[in-house]
Structure formats: C-alpha cells, structure tokens
Amino acid sequence: MDTPKNNPRPVPFKVFISYSTKDLEKATQVKQRLDCYSALGVQTYLAEYDSKAGTNLPEDIRKNIRDADVFCLLWSHNAKDSDWVSQEIGIATAANKLIIPIVLDRDLPPSGFIQDRKYISAYESFETAMGTLQKLITVHAATKAIKTNEKNMLAVLGIGALLFLVLLSDN
C-alpha cells in the first residue's frame, strides 16, 4: 500500500528486547507498551513472537541485535542465570549498541558488561519504569528521524546541485 505524500513513512527505529524465557510475561508487556509507538517507526523484536518457525534462532537473534537501534535488557535473577542473555549482552556490547537495562529484581544490580550503565528500576513500580522507557525510546526514535531526514535533505540538495552543474555545463 502506498503511503500518501503528505504522510511519509516513519524512519524505522528498532528495539531488541533481551529477556529470560522465565520473564516472558514482563517482556511481553514491554513489547506491547513499545508497539504502541509504531506510528513513530518503533519496531520491537521479541524472539518468542518475532522469530518464525524453522529459522536458525541464534543467527536470527544476532541479526536482530546488529540491526537494532536500542538493546533493551530485562535484568533479573533469571536473566543473570541465562546463557542466552549473557551472549546477547556480549553481541550488543561488541556492536556498540545503546543498552538500556531494566532491573526487575531489587537485590540485583547490573553486573559484567552492564555494571556501569544507568538503568531503569522496575522493582518498585513496573508502570513507572515503562513510562520512563517509553519516553527514552520516543526521544531516541525522534532524534534518529531528525538526523535521517537531515541527511536525506542534504543528499537531495547535493543531487540538485549536481544536476544544476550538469545543466550549466551543457549550455
């Protein structure tokens, strides 16, 4: 379906959600809260729902982490004990992704690659944490859209200048 010219497609802003399968209910809530911003270009990846049957799951996860603008980590005792989560953190760190830890358990500060990151505490109020996350994601998505549109505008101006020079040289 074509998008009307006065309503351009939003710039995609991809959020990878890392979680322990034992925390799937909370991860699903995060996905649902962020999916409300699809009109702003926000796209979430939650392996449970977004990986198709038959895909190579480790490769699909690596690809989606590399493609993500933000790596949203649900940090809990379950996540700390998960081999998958620690591998995902390593991939996101190596790819220099913005990592936003959301701490679910009061007595579990981030450790390892994420110990120095400012985190969102969700153990007192999950609703408040989701509001904070939504604000962060919308700000980052809007910033990406502005930067992308500026680059696109510069490219259009550059192409226009080249065309102008070509037209001048023909005369």
Foldseek 3Di string as FASTA:
>chain_A
DDDDPVQDQADAAEEEEFDFVVCVVLSVVLQVLQVVCVSNRYDYDDPVPHPDPPDPSVVVLLVSLLVHQEYEYEDEPRLVPDPVNVVSLVSNVVSVHHYEYEYQDPPDQDDDPCNPPDYHYPPVPVVVSSVVVNVVSSVVSVVVRVVVVVVVVVVVVVVVVVVVVVVVVVD
